[in-house]
PDB file of N, CA and C in Angstrom:
ATOM      1  N   MET A   1      24.344  18.526 131.631  1.00  0.00           N
ATOM      2  CA  MET A   1      23.707  19.000 132.621  1.00  0.00           C
ATOM      3  C   MET A   1      25.057  19.242 133.659  1.00  0.00           C
ATOM      4  N   PRO A   2      24.915  20.759 134.178  1.00  0.00           N
ATOM      5  CA  PRO A   2      26.051  21.004 135.167  1.00  0.00           C
ATOM      6  C   PRO A   2      25.974  20.336 136.523  1.00  0.00           C
ATOM      7  N   ALA A   3      27.090  20.287 136.981  1.00  0.00           N
ATOM      8  CA  ALA A   3      27.185  19.445 138.004  1.00  0.00           C
ATOM      9  C   ALA A   3      26.783  20.077 139.441  1.00  0.00           C
ATOM     10  N   ASP A   4      26.563  21.352 139.314  1.00  0.00           N
ATOM     11  CA  ASP A   4      26.150  22.063 140.518  1.00  0.00           C
ATOM     12  C   ASP A   4      24.854  22.295 140.884  1.00  0.00           C
ATOM     13  N   ILE A   5      23.991  21.964 139.856  1.00  0.00           N
ATOM     14  CA  ILE A   5      22.410  21.703 140.154  1.00  0.00           C
ATOM     15  C   ILE A   5      21.998  20.371 140.460  1.00  0.00           C
ATOM     16  N   HIS A   6      21.423  20.340 141.605  1.00  0.00           N
ATOM     17  CA  HIS A   6      21.133  19.028 142.284  1.00  0.00           C
ATOM     18  C   HIS A   6      19.608  18.693 142.292  1.00  0.00           C
ATOM     19  N   HIS A   7      19.050  17.627 141.771  1.00  0.00           N
ATOM     20  CA  HIS A   7      17.542  17.384 141.739  1.00  0.00           C
ATOM     21  C   HIS A   7      17.456  16.325 142.450  1.00  0.00           C
ATOM     22  N   SER A   8      16.448  16.383 143.506  1.00  0.00           N
ATOM     23  CA  SER A   8      16.092  15.138 144.378  1.00  0.00           C
ATOM     24  C   SER A   8      14.862  14.659 143.794  1.00  0.00           C
ATOM     25  N   SER A   9      14.354  13.459 143.813  1.00  0.00           N
ATOM     26  CA  SER A   9      13.150  12.907 143.571  1.00  0.00           C
ATOM     27  C   SER A   9      12.123  13.288 144.513  1.00  0.00           C
ATOM     28  N   ALA A  10      12.638  13.384 145.801  1.00  0.00           N
ATOM     29  CA  ALA A  10      11.379  13.722 146.953  1.00  0.00           C
ATOM     30  C   ALA A  10      11.231  15.204 146.949  1.00  0.00           C
ATOM     31  N   PRO A  11      10.224  15.659 146.864  1.00  0.00           N
ATOM     32  CA  PRO A  11       9.804  17.274 146.931  1.00  0.00           C
ATOM     33  C   PRO A  11      10.187  17.710 148.329  1.00  0.00           C
ATOM     34  N   GLU A  12      10.462  18.869 148.569  1.00  0.00           N
ATOM     35  CA  GLU A  12      10.795  19.404 149.876  1.00  0.00           C
ATOM     36  C   GLU A  12       9.218  19.884 150.310  1.00  0.00           C
ATOM     37  N   ARG A  13       9.264  19.506 151.453  1.00  0.00           N
ATOM     38  CA  ARG A  13       7.964  19.952 152.211  1.00  0.00           C
ATOM     39  C   ARG A  13       7.819  21.141 153.185  1.00  0.00           C
ATOM     40  N   ALA A  14       6.891  21.985 152.768  1.00  0.00           N
ATOM     41  CA  ALA A  14       6.905  23.247 153.492  1.00  0.00           C
ATOM     42  C   ALA A  14       5.899  23.029 154.807  1.00  0.00           C
ATOM     43  N   PRO A  15       6.680  23.821 155.863  1.00  0.00           N
ATOM     44  CA  PRO A  15       5.403  23.258 156.775  1.00  0.00           C
ATOM     45  C   PRO A  15       4.121  23.873 156.753  1.00  0.00           C
ATOM     46  N   ARG A  16       3.115  23.097 157.046  1.00  0.00           N
ATOM     47  CA  ARG A  16       1.408  23.343 156.925  1.00  0.00           C
ATOM     48  C   ARG A  16       1.124  24.309 157.870  1.00  0.00           C
ATOM     49  N   LEU A  17       0.344  25.385 157.353  1.00  0.00           N
ATOM     50  CA  LEU A  17      -0.068  26.172 158.308  1.00  0.00           C
ATOM     51  C   LEU A  17      -1.612  26.022 158.048  1.00  0.00           C
ATOM     52  N   ASN A  18      -2.614  26.389 159.176  1.00  0.00           N
ATOM     53  CA  ASN A  18      -4.079  26.761 158.793  1.00  0.00           C
ATOM     54  C   ASN A  18      -3.945  28.040 158.371  1.00  0.00           C
ATOM     55  N   ALA A  19      -5.159  28.416 157.707  1.00  0.00           N
ATOM     56  CA  ALA A  19      -5.498  29.612 157.131  1.00  0.00           C
ATOM     57  C   ALA A  19      -5.571  31.002 158.135  1.00  0.00           C
ATOM     58  N   THR A  20      -5.921  30.652 159.111  1.00  0.00           N
ATOM     59  CA  THR A  20      -5.750  31.876 160.383  1.00  0.00           C
ATOM     60  C   THR A  20      -4.371  31.927 160.669  1.00  0.00           C
ATOM     61  N   ARG A  21      -3.566  30.970 160.684  1.00  0.00           N
ATOM     62  CA  ARG A  21      -2.179  31.162 161.058  1.00  0.00           C
ATOM     63  C   ARG A  21      -1.485  31.831 159.997  1.00  0.00           C
ATOM     64  N   ALA A  22      -1.583  31.565 158.791  1.00  0.00           N
ATOM     65  CA  ALA A  22      -1.013  32.110 157.460  1.00  0.00           C
ATOM     66  C   ALA A  22      -1.583  33.506 157.311  1.00  0.00           C
ATOM     67  N   ARG A  23      -2.682  34.063 157.839  1.00  0.00           N
ATOM     68  CA  ARG A  23      -3.166  35.348 157.575  1.00  0.00           C
ATOM     69  C   ARG A  23      -2.680  36.326 158.741  1.00  0.00           C
ATOM     70  N   GLN A  24      -2.021  35.829 159.810  1.00  0.00           N
ATOM     71  CA  GLN A  24      -1.610  36.730 160.746  1.00  0.00           C
ATOM     72  C   GLN A  24      -0.324  37.232 160.372  1.00  0.00           C
ATOM     73  N   GLY A  25      -0.321  38.487 160.891  1.00  0.00           N
ATOM     74  CA  GLY A  25       1.042  39.107 160.597  1.00  0.00           C
ATOM     75  C   GLY A  25       1.928  39.128 161.773  1.00  0.00           C
ATOM     76  N   ARG A  26       3.287  39.647 161.629  1.00  0.00           N
ATOM     77  CA  ARG A  26       4.120  39.432 162.746  1.00  0.00           C
ATOM     78  C   ARG A  26       3.934  40.903 163.185  1.00  0.00           C
ATOM     79  N   TRP A  27       4.519  40.981 164.552  1.00  0.00           N
ATOM     80  CA  TRP A  27       4.897  42.210 165.207  1.00  0.00           C
ATOM     81  C   TRP A  27       6.330  42.486 165.253  1.00  0.00           C
ATOM     82  N   GLY A  28       6.832  43.613 164.542  1.00  0.00           N
ATOM     83  CA  GLY A  28       8.352  43.660 164.423  1.00  0.00           C
ATOM     84  C   GLY A  28       8.619  45.027 164.328  1.00  0.00           C
ATOM     85  N   LYS A  29       9.773  45.460 164.158  1.00  0.00           N
ATOM     86  CA  LYS A  29      10.220  46.851 163.840  1.00  0.00           C
ATOM     87  C   LYS A  29       9.676  47.588 162.861  1.00  0.00           C
ATOM     88  N   HIS A  30       9.314  46.899 161.711  1.00  0.00           N
ATOM     89  CA  HIS A  30       8.532  47.828 160.604  1.00  0.00           C
ATOM     90  C   HIS A  30       7.266  48.220 161.148  1.00  0.00           C
ATOM     91  N   VAL A  31       6.420  47.489 161.781  1.00  0.00           N
ATOM     92  CA  VAL A  31       5.261  47.788 162.480  1.00  0.00           C
ATOM     93  C   VAL A  31       5.350  48.799 163.488  1.00  0.00           C
ATOM     94  N   PHE A  32       6.231  48.763 164.154  1.00  0.00           N
ATOM     95  CA  PHE A  32       6.452  49.740 165.343  1.00  0.00           C
ATOM     96  C   PHE A  32       6.859  51.042 164.320  1.00  0.00           C
ATOM     97  N   TRP A  33       7.428  51.170 163.619  1.00  0.00           N
ATOM     98  CA  TRP A  33       7.893  52.285 163.026  1.00  0.00           C
ATOM     99  C   TRP A  33       6.947  53.003 162.232  1.00  0.00           C
ATOM    100  N   VAL A  34       6.106  52.130 161.589  1.00  0.00           N
ATOM    101  CA  VAL A  34       4.886  52.591 161.024  1.00  0.00           C
ATOM    102  C   VAL A  34       3.895  53.374 161.800  1.00  0.00           C
ATOM    103  N   LEU A  35       3.808  52.561 163.222  1.00  0.00           N
ATOM    104  CA  LEU A  35       2.965  53.265 164.279  1.00  0.00           C
ATOM    105  C   LEU A  35       3.531  54.629 164.646  1.00  0.00           C
ATOM    106  N   ILE A  36       4.809  54.657 164.536  1.00  0.00           N
ATOM    107  CA  ILE A  36       5.599  55.908 165.502  1.00  0.00           C
ATOM    108  C   ILE A  36       5.271  56.977 164.164  1.00  0.00           C
ATOM    109  N   VAL A  37       5.704  56.511 162.903  1.00  0.00           N
ATOM    110  CA  VAL A  37       5.795  57.771 161.905  1.00  0.00           C
ATOM    111  C   VAL A  37       4.259  58.406 161.554  1.00  0.00           C
ATOM    112  N   SER A  38       3.559  57.313 161.673  1.00  0.00           N
ATOM    113  CA  SER A  38       1.946  57.682 161.362  1.00  0.00           C
ATOM    114  C   SER A  38       1.218  58.470 162.627  1.00  0.00           C
ATOM    115  N   THR A  39       1.855  58.218 163.777  1.00  0.00           N
ATOM    116  CA  THR A  39       1.202  59.046 164.978  1.00  0.00           C
ATOM    117  C   THR A  39       2.046  60.330 164.789  1.00  0.00           C
ATOM    118  N   ILE A  40       3.380  60.338 164.341  1.00  0.00           N
ATOM    119  CA  ILE A  40       3.791  61.709 164.519  1.00  0.00           C
ATOM    120  C   ILE A  40       3.283  62.828 163.305  1.00  0.00           C
ATOM    121  N   LEU A  41       2.958  62.112 162.149  1.00  0.00           N
ATOM    122  CA  LEU A  41       2.455  62.760 161.092  1.00  0.00           C
ATOM    123  C   LEU A  41       1.109  63.229 161.555  1.00  0.00           C
ATOM    124  N   ALA A  42       0.383  62.432 162.145  1.00  0.00           N
ATOM    125  CA  ALA A  42      -1.134  62.655 162.569  1.00  0.00           C
ATOM    126  C   ALA A  42      -1.098  64.072 163.509  1.00  0.00           C
ATOM    127  N   ALA A  43       0.079  64.318 164.356  1.00  0.00           N
ATOM    128  CA  ALA A  43       0.108  65.227 165.286  1.00  0.00           C
ATOM    129  C   ALA A  43       0.534  66.604 164.480  1.00  0.00           C
ATOM    130  N   ILE A  44       1.339  66.456 163.674  1.00  0.00           N
ATOM    131  CA  ILE A  44       1.700  67.624 162.852  1.00  0.00           C
ATOM    132  C   ILE A  44       0.563  68.040 161.985  1.00  0.00           C
ATOM    133  N   ALA A  45      -0.098  67.220 161.321  1.00  0.00           N
ATOM    134  CA  ALA A  45      -1.452  67.459 160.863  1.00  0.00           C
ATOM    135  C   ALA A  45      -2.439  68.361 161.700  1.00  0.00           C
ATOM    136  N   LEU A  46      -2.543  67.747 162.776  1.00  0.00           N
ATOM    137  CA  LEU A  46      -3.599  68.547 163.815  1.00  0.00           C
ATOM    138  C   LEU A  46      -2.708  69.839 164.052  1.00  0.00           C
ATOM    139  N   PHE A  47      -1.748  70.022 164.523  1.00  0.00           N
ATOM    140  CA  PHE A  47      -1.125  71.151 164.597  1.00  0.00           C
ATOM    141  C   PHE A  47      -1.039  72.087 163.668  1.00  0.00           C
ATOM    142  N   GLY A  48      -0.958  71.720 162.625  1.00  0.00           N
ATOM    143  CA  GLY A  48      -0.866  72.565 161.164  1.00  0.00           C
ATOM    144  C   GLY A  48      -2.034  72.990 161.139  1.00  0.00           C
ATOM    145  N   ALA A  49      -3.425  72.035 161.014  1.00  0.00           N
ATOM    146  CA  ALA A  49      -4.669  72.528 160.981  1.00  0.00           C
ATOM    147  C   ALA A  49      -5.049  73.730 162.199  1.00  0.00           C
ATOM    148  N   TRP A  50      -4.575  73.563 163.411  1.00  0.00           N
ATOM    149  CA  TRP A  50      -4.929  74.461 164.376  1.00  0.00           C
ATOM    150  C   TRP A  50      -4.147  75.853 163.973  1.00  0.00           C
ATOM    151  N   THR A  51      -2.729  75.898 163.608  1.00  0.00           N
ATOM    152  CA  THR A  51      -2.047  77.054 163.337  1.00  0.00           C
ATOM    153  C   THR A  51      -2.991  77.688 162.214  1.00  0.00           C
ATOM    154  N   TYR A  52      -3.322  77.009 161.268  1.00  0.00           N
ATOM    155  CA  TYR A  52      -3.912  77.698 160.010  1.00  0.00           C
ATOM    156  C   TYR A  52      -5.241  78.040 160.403  1.00  0.00           C
ATOM    157  N   ARG A  53      -6.040  77.588 161.323  1.00  0.00           N
ATOM    158  CA  ARG A  53      -7.376  78.431 161.760  1.00  0.00           C
ATOM    159  C   ARG A  53      -7.043  79.174 163.207  1.00  0.00           C
ATOM    160  N   ALA A  54      -5.860  79.635 163.643  1.00  0.00           N
ATOM    161  CA  ALA A  54      -5.523  80.289 164.799  1.00  0.00           C
ATOM    162  C   ALA A  54      -6.139  81.705 164.653  1.00  0.00           C
ATOM    163  N   GLY A  55      -6.205  82.282 163.535  1.00  0.00           N
ATOM    164  CA  GLY A  55      -6.643  83.561 163.395  1.00  0.00           C
ATOM    165  C   GLY A  55      -7.958  83.641 163.307  1.00  0.00           C
ATOM    166  N   ASP A  56      -9.056  82.702 162.949  1.00  0.00           N
ATOM    167  CA  ASP A  56     -10.276  82.497 163.201  1.00  0.00           C
ATOM    168  C   ASP A  56     -10.657  82.347 164.545  1.00  0.00           C
ATOM    169  N   LEU A  57      -9.831  81.650 165.357  1.00  0.00           N
ATOM    170  CA  LEU A  57     -10.216  81.245 166.595  1.00  0.00           C
ATOM    171  C   LEU A  57      -9.953  82.698 167.343  1.00  0.00           C
ATOM    172  N   ALA A  58      -8.898  83.432 167.188  1.00  0.00           N
ATOM    173  CA  ALA A  58      -8.510  84.592 168.013  1.00  0.00           C
ATOM    174  C   ALA A  58      -9.673  85.777 167.744  1.00  0.00           C
ATOM    175  N   ALA A  59     -10.551  85.520 166.644  1.00  0.00           N
ATOM    176  CA  ALA A  59     -11.138  86.477 166.207  1.00  0.00           C
ATOM    177  C   ALA A  59     -12.742  86.506 167.063  1.00  0.00           C
ATOM    178  N   VAL A  60     -12.882  85.649 167.867  1.00  0.00           N
ATOM    179  CA  VAL A  60     -14.072  85.143 168.585  1.00  0.00           C
ATOM    180  C   VAL A  60     -14.054  86.316 169.705  1.00  0.00           C
ATOM    181  N   GLU A  61     -15.260  86.657 169.996  1.00  0.00           N
ATOM    182  CA  GLU A  61     -15.501  87.876 171.048  1.00  0.00           C
ATOM    183  C   GLU A  61     -14.947  87.486 172.392  1.00  0.00           C
ATOM    184  N   VAL A  62     -14.212  88.131 172.811  1.00  0.00           N
ATOM    185  CA  VAL A  62     -13.408  87.870 174.269  1.00  0.00           C
ATOM    186  C   VAL A  62     -14.539  87.958 175.429  1.00  0.00           C
ATOM    187  N   ASN A  63     -15.500  88.935 175.364  1.00  0.00           N
ATOM    188  CA  ASN A  63     -16.429  88.597 176.407  1.00  0.00           C
ATOM    189  C   ASN A  63     -17.862  87.986 176.167  1.00  0.00           C
ATOM    190  N   ASN A  64     -17.576  86.819 175.213  1.00  0.00           N
ATOM    191  CA  ASN A  64     -18.594  85.989 174.972  1.00  0.00           C
ATOM    192  C   ASN A  64     -19.275  85.320 176.417  1.00  0.00           C
ATOM    193  N   GLY A  65     -20.349  85.793 176.713  1.00  0.00           N
ATOM    194  CA  GLY A  65     -20.976  85.332 177.869  1.00  0.00           C
ATOM    195  C   GLY A  65     -20.724  85.931 179.091  1.00  0.00           C
ATOM    196  N   ALA A  66     -19.663  86.844 179.192  1.00  0.00           N
ATOM    197  CA  ALA A  66     -19.617  87.618 180.381  1.00  0.00           C
ATOM    198  C   ALA A  66     -20.032  89.024 179.880  1.00  0.00           C
ATOM    199  N   LYS A  67     -20.592  89.410 180.849  1.00  0.00           N
ATOM    200  CA  LYS A  67     -21.262  90.764 180.874  1.00  0.00           C
ATOM    201  C   LYS A  67     -20.201  92.012 181.230  1.00  0.00           C
ATOM    202  N   THR A  68     -20.463  92.809 180.502  1.00  0.00           N
ATOM    203  CA  THR A  68     -19.505  94.094 181.079  1.00  0.00           C
ATOM    204  C   THR A  68     -20.438  94.848 182.381  1.00  0.00           C
ATOM    205  N   PRO A  69     -19.543  95.365 183.052  1.00  0.00           N
ATOM    206  CA  PRO A  69     -20.342  96.047 184.350  1.00  0.00           C
ATOM    207  C   PRO A  69     -21.339  96.813 183.876  1.00  0.00           C
ATOM    208  N   ALA A  70     -21.220  97.591 182.868  1.00  0.00           N
ATOM    209  CA  ALA A  70     -22.492  98.591 182.328  1.00  0.00           C
ATOM    210  C   ALA A  70     -23.368  97.814 181.940  1.00  0.00           C
ATOM    211  N   GLU A  71     -23.183  96.718 181.201  1.00  0.00           N
ATOM    212  CA  GLU A  71     -24.376  95.897 180.850  1.00  0.00           C
ATOM    213  C   GLU A  71     -24.886  95.105 182.107  1.00  0.00           C
ATOM    214  N   ALA A  72     -24.145  94.880 182.984  1.00  0.00           N
ATOM    215  CA  ALA A  72     -24.788  94.147 184.111  1.00  0.00           C
ATOM    216  C   ALA A  72     -25.593  94.841 184.959  1.00  0.00           C
ATOM    217  N   GLN A  73     -25.449  96.367 184.828  1.00  0.00           N
ATOM    218  CA  GLN A  73     -26.177  96.999 185.799  1.00  0.00           C
ATOM    219  C   GLN A  73     -27.508  97.200 185.165  1.00  0.00           C
ATOM    220  N   ARG A  74     -27.913  96.919 183.885  1.00  0.00           N
ATOM    221  CA  ARG A  74     -28.910  97.008 183.466  1.00  0.00           C
ATOM    222  C   ARG A  74     -30.231  95.904 183.824  1.00  0.00           C
ATOM    223  N   TYR A  75     -29.562  94.912 184.442  1.00  0.00           N
ATOM    224  CA  TYR A  75     -30.057  93.814 184.954  1.00  0.00           C
ATOM    225  C   TYR A  75     -30.181  93.801 186.349  1.00  0.00           C
ATOM    226  N   ASP A  76     -29.807  94.653 186.769  1.00  0.00           N
ATOM    227  CA  ASP A  76     -29.457  94.623 188.583  1.00  0.00           C
ATOM    228  C   ASP A  76     -30.867  95.426 188.855  1.00  0.00           C
ATOM    229  N   THR A  77     -31.638  94.675 189.715  1.00  0.00           N
ATOM    230  CA  THR A  77     -32.894  95.097 190.168  1.00  0.00           C
ATOM    231  C   THR A  77     -32.680  95.384 191.651  1.00  0.00           C
ATOM    232  N   PRO A  78     -33.582  96.413 192.268  1.00  0.00           N
ATOM    233  CA  PRO A  78     -33.300  96.594 193.676  1.00  0.00           C
ATOM    234  C   PRO A  78     -34.095  95.509 194.639  1.00  0.00           C
ATOM    235  N   GLN A  79     -33.414  95.300 195.674  1.00  0.00           N
ATOM    236  CA  GLN A  79     -34.092  94.114 196.526  1.00  0.00           C
ATOM    237  C   GLN A  79     -35.282  94.523 197.034  1.00  0.00           C
ATOM    238  N   ALA A  80     -36.250  94.064 196.887  1.00  0.00           N
ATOM    239  CA  ALA A  80     -37.520  94.525 197.735  1.00  0.00           C
ATOM    240  C   ALA A  80     -37.661  93.678 198.904  1.00  0.00           C
ATOM    241  N   PRO A  81     -38.265  94.484 199.873  1.00  0.00           N
ATOM    242  CA  PRO A  81     -38.090  93.904 201.341  1.00  0.00           C
ATOM    243  C   PRO A  81     -39.329  92.531 201.326  1.00  0.00           C
ATOM    244  N   VAL A  82     -38.886  91.742 202.313  1.00  0.00           N
ATOM    245  CA  VAL A  82     -39.664  90.557 202.273  1.00  0.00           C
ATOM    246  C   VAL A  82     -40.816  90.933 202.942  1.00  0.00           C
ATOM    247  N   LYS A  83     -42.113  90.274 202.172  1.00  0.00           N
ATOM    248  CA  LYS A  83     -43.538  90.428 202.543  1.00  0.00           C
ATOM    249  C   LYS A  83     -43.801  89.203 203.733  1.00  0.00           C
ATOM    250  N   GLN A  84     -44.238  89.515 204.763  1.00  0.00           N
ATOM    251  CA  GLN A  84     -44.580  88.679 205.692  1.00  0.00           C
ATOM    252  C   GLN A  84     -45.942  88.751 205.840  1.00  0.00           C
ATOM    253  N   ALA A  85     -46.857  87.501 206.172  1.00  0.00           N
ATOM    254  CA  ALA A  85     -48.009  87.480 206.364  1.00  0.00           C
ATOM    255  C   ALA A  85     -48.307  87.669 207.841  1.00  0.00           C
ATOM    256  N   PRO A  86     -49.438  88.437 208.250  1.00  0.00           N
ATOM    257  CA  PRO A  86     -49.819  88.834 209.692  1.00  0.00           C
ATOM    258  C   PRO A  86     -50.163  87.619 210.380  1.00  0.00           C
TER     259      PRO A  86
END
């Protein structure tokens, strides 16, 4: 048996944690970078989708809901005088 291997008769004890504490993650640099990178990728995806559909958005009628002067005149009625009871 080599001299550099040491065996002890007493087992080493690891700190005991309850199940909830053992399942909790740590807040660290890795989590921060995952959040930053995923947010940037989501923003790029949204911008890319908007850019891809920009032609369809520009094809929408400009005067949607707003009447042209000629069209508005069709709905213009003369104002009638007020009728008063004697």
